[in-house]
Protein backbone atom coordinates (compact mmCIF):
# COMPACT_ATOMS: atom_id res chain seq x y z
CA MET A 1 17.99 25.80 157.97
CA LEU A 2 16.03 22.47 158.58
CA GLY A 3 19.05 20.33 158.86
CA ARG A 4 20.48 22.90 161.16
CA ASN A 5 17.52 22.34 163.79
CA LEU A 6 17.40 18.58 163.33
CA ASP A 7 21.21 18.92 164.39
CA ASP A 8 20.19 20.69 167.43
CA GLY A 9 17.16 18.32 168.44
CA VAL A 10 19.52 15.46 168.07
CA GLU A 11 22.41 17.18 170.22
CA ALA A 12 19.92 18.00 172.91
CA SER A 13 18.31 14.71 173.08
CA GLU A 14 21.27 13.18 173.21
CA ARG A 15 22.40 15.25 176.33
CA SER A 16 19.43 14.38 177.91
CA TRP A 17 20.20 10.57 177.45
CA SER A 18 23.77 10.62 178.49
CA SER A 19 23.17 12.70 181.82
CA PRO A 20 19.88 11.58 183.64
CA PRO A 21 18.78 13.80 186.60
CA SER A 22 20.65 12.76 189.49
CA GLY A 23 17.42 12.64 191.78
CA ARG A 24 15.93 10.11 189.27
CA ALA A 25 18.91 8.30 189.52
CA GLU A 26 19.42 8.16 193.32
CA ALA A 27 15.38 7.65 193.77
CA THR A 28 16.11 4.38 191.19
CA ALA A 29 18.80 3.34 193.66
CA THR A 30 16.88 3.95 197.02
CA LEU A 31 14.03 2.05 195.36
CA ALA A 32 16.09 -0.81 194.41
CA ASP A 33 17.52 -0.98 198.07
CA ARG A 34 14.26 -1.01 199.90
CA VAL A 35 12.85 -3.36 197.46
CA ALA A 36 15.80 -5.80 198.16
CA ARG A 37 15.11 -5.60 201.69
CA LEU A 38 11.36 -6.38 201.63
CA SER A 39 9.78 -9.65 202.72
CA ALA A 40 6.40 -10.38 203.29
CA SER A 41 4.45 -13.17 206.30
CA ALA A 42 1.40 -15.27 205.73
CA THR A 43 -0.45 -17.30 208.14
CA GLY A 44 -2.65 -20.38 207.45
CA GLY A 45 -4.34 -23.48 209.18
CA ASP A 46 -6.21 -21.38 211.87
CA GLY A 47 -2.77 -19.78 212.55
CA THR A 48 -0.49 -22.91 212.84
CA ILE A 49 1.25 -22.46 209.66
CA ARG A 50 3.30 -19.24 209.09
CA VAL A 51 5.91 -18.44 206.10
CA ARG A 52 7.88 -15.74 205.11
CA VAL A 53 9.03 -15.03 202.08
CA ASP A 54 11.74 -12.54 200.63
CA SER A 55 11.91 -10.13 197.68
CA GLY A 56 12.50 -12.51 195.60
CA GLY A 57 9.80 -14.87 196.40
CA ALA A 58 12.28 -17.52 198.23
CA ILE A 59 10.53 -18.82 201.58
CA THR A 60 12.88 -17.81 204.26
CA GLN A 61 10.86 -19.17 207.30
CA LEU A 62 8.15 -21.61 207.81
CA GLU A 63 6.61 -22.13 211.11
CA LEU A 64 4.52 -25.55 211.53
CA PRO A 65 3.32 -27.34 214.60
CA ASP A 66 5.83 -30.14 213.93
CA ALA A 67 9.25 -28.01 213.93
CA GLU A 68 11.50 -30.65 212.76
CA LEU A 69 8.96 -31.28 209.58
CA ALA A 70 9.18 -27.28 209.15
CA ALA A 71 13.25 -27.47 208.87
CA GLU A 72 13.17 -30.46 206.82
CA ILE A 73 10.72 -28.81 204.14
CA LEU A 74 13.21 -25.81 204.26
CA ARG A 75 16.43 -27.74 203.65
CA THR A 76 14.39 -29.38 200.69
CA ILE A 77 13.33 -26.21 198.99
CA ARG A 78 17.25 -24.90 199.26
CA ARG A 79 18.19 -28.38 197.81
CA ALA A 80 16.01 -27.46 195.01
CA GLN A 81 16.85 -24.03 194.55
CA ALA A 82 20.27 -24.68 194.53
CA GLY A 83 19.39 -27.22 191.80
CA LEU A 84 17.89 -24.47 189.92
CA ALA A 85 20.96 -22.46 190.13
CA GLU A 86 23.00 -25.24 188.57
CA GLN A 87 20.66 -25.72 185.75
CA VAL A 88 20.72 -21.99 185.09
CA GLU A 89 24.67 -22.28 184.87
CA LEU A 90 24.27 -25.25 182.43
CA ALA A 91 21.78 -22.97 180.43
CA VAL A 92 24.16 -19.90 180.49
CA ASN A 93 27.47 -22.10 179.53
CA GLU A 94 25.44 -23.99 176.63
CA THR A 95 24.14 -20.26 175.52
CA VAL A 96 25.49 -17.19 176.05
CA GLY A 97 28.77 -18.16 178.19
CA PRO A 98 29.82 -17.34 181.41
CA GLU A 99 32.04 -14.81 180.28
CA SER A 100 29.64 -12.67 178.54
CA GLU A 101 27.76 -9.46 180.34
CA THR A 102 24.22 -11.32 180.36
CA GLY A 103 26.00 -14.70 181.35
CA ARG A 104 27.06 -13.35 184.44
CA ALA A 105 24.28 -11.32 185.38
CA VAL A 106 22.18 -14.10 185.25
CA LEU A 107 24.76 -16.25 187.01
CA GLU A 108 25.21 -13.92 190.01
CA SER A 109 21.29 -12.98 190.31
CA PHE A 110 20.80 -16.84 190.94
CA ALA A 111 23.64 -17.34 193.03
CA GLN A 112 22.68 -14.51 195.53
CA ARG A 113 18.88 -15.35 195.50
CA PHE A 114 19.74 -19.30 195.91
CA PRO A 115 23.12 -20.27 197.17
CA ALA A 116 24.85 -23.54 197.43
CA VAL A 117 23.43 -25.88 199.94
CA PRO A 118 26.04 -25.66 202.98
CA GLY A 119 27.94 -28.38 203.79
CA ASP A 120 26.18 -29.44 207.03
CA GLU A 121 23.01 -30.35 205.20
CA PRO A 122 23.11 -33.58 204.02
CA ALA A 123 23.22 -33.91 199.95
CA ALA A 124 20.49 -35.32 198.53
CA PRO A 125 20.31 -35.71 194.45
CA VAL A 126 18.05 -32.86 192.94
CA MET A 127 16.47 -34.26 189.71
CA PRO A 128 15.16 -31.79 186.95
CA SER A 129 11.51 -31.35 186.45
CA PRO A 130 10.17 -33.57 183.90
CA PRO A 131 8.93 -32.12 180.54
CA PRO A 132 4.97 -31.63 180.57
CA PHE A 133 3.03 -34.07 179.45
CA PRO A 134 1.44 -33.33 175.94
CA THR A 135 -1.87 -32.51 175.16
CA PHE A 136 -3.93 -33.50 172.44
CA GLN A 137 -6.71 -31.34 171.14
CA SER A 138 -9.56 -32.68 168.75
CA ARG A 139 -10.29 -30.05 166.30
CA PRO A 140 -12.10 -30.16 163.43
CA SER A 141 -10.36 -28.68 160.64
CA LEU A 142 -13.45 -27.84 158.65
CA PRO A 143 -16.85 -26.45 160.17
CA HIS A 144 -18.85 -29.37 158.92
CA GLN A 145 -16.60 -31.93 160.84
CA SER A 146 -17.46 -33.35 163.85
CA PRO A 147 -14.44 -33.84 166.61
CA GLY A 148 -12.76 -37.09 165.85
CA ASN A 149 -10.67 -38.78 168.48
CA GLY A 150 -7.25 -37.08 167.49
CA PHE A 151 -6.81 -38.80 164.55
CA GLU A 152 -6.79 -37.16 161.24
CA SER A 153 -9.34 -34.74 162.71
CA GLY A 154 -12.43 -36.81 163.10
CA ARG A 155 -12.00 -38.55 159.62
CA ASP A 156 -12.29 -42.25 159.26
CA SER A 157 -8.50 -43.47 158.47
CA ARG A 158 -9.88 -46.43 156.35
CA ALA A 159 -11.46 -43.88 153.96
CA ARG A 160 -8.53 -43.67 151.98
């Protein structure tokens, strides 16, 4: 009898997972559409600077007292974002591959958020970000040791 009840529970659980309520699926799709259309604005500099971002956080509008400077900043941001998309493409190619489901999803996401720079904008090289500078912490390995200068945890190397 116990086995039969467990089988019934498993079947009921499978049915609940395989057929989610249509209301929840519709609400999820509606939420995704609404979030994709969101944008936000902020002002600064005593109201002389205005920035608008899309739902992904990308800057879509920049207003500065100098309109030419604002346009150049936006072009530079787009080139950097396109460079990021290129780096993601290389990472996908070197890891999961562009033919995998994960690879396609990642590439499509970056292509939508950061499209290639249009041909009418001057091309400029995009340099990858430099690796972070290493930091060293001077922590003694034993409680009675005082912090040293980063070499051998405060011990004098000549003591050997």
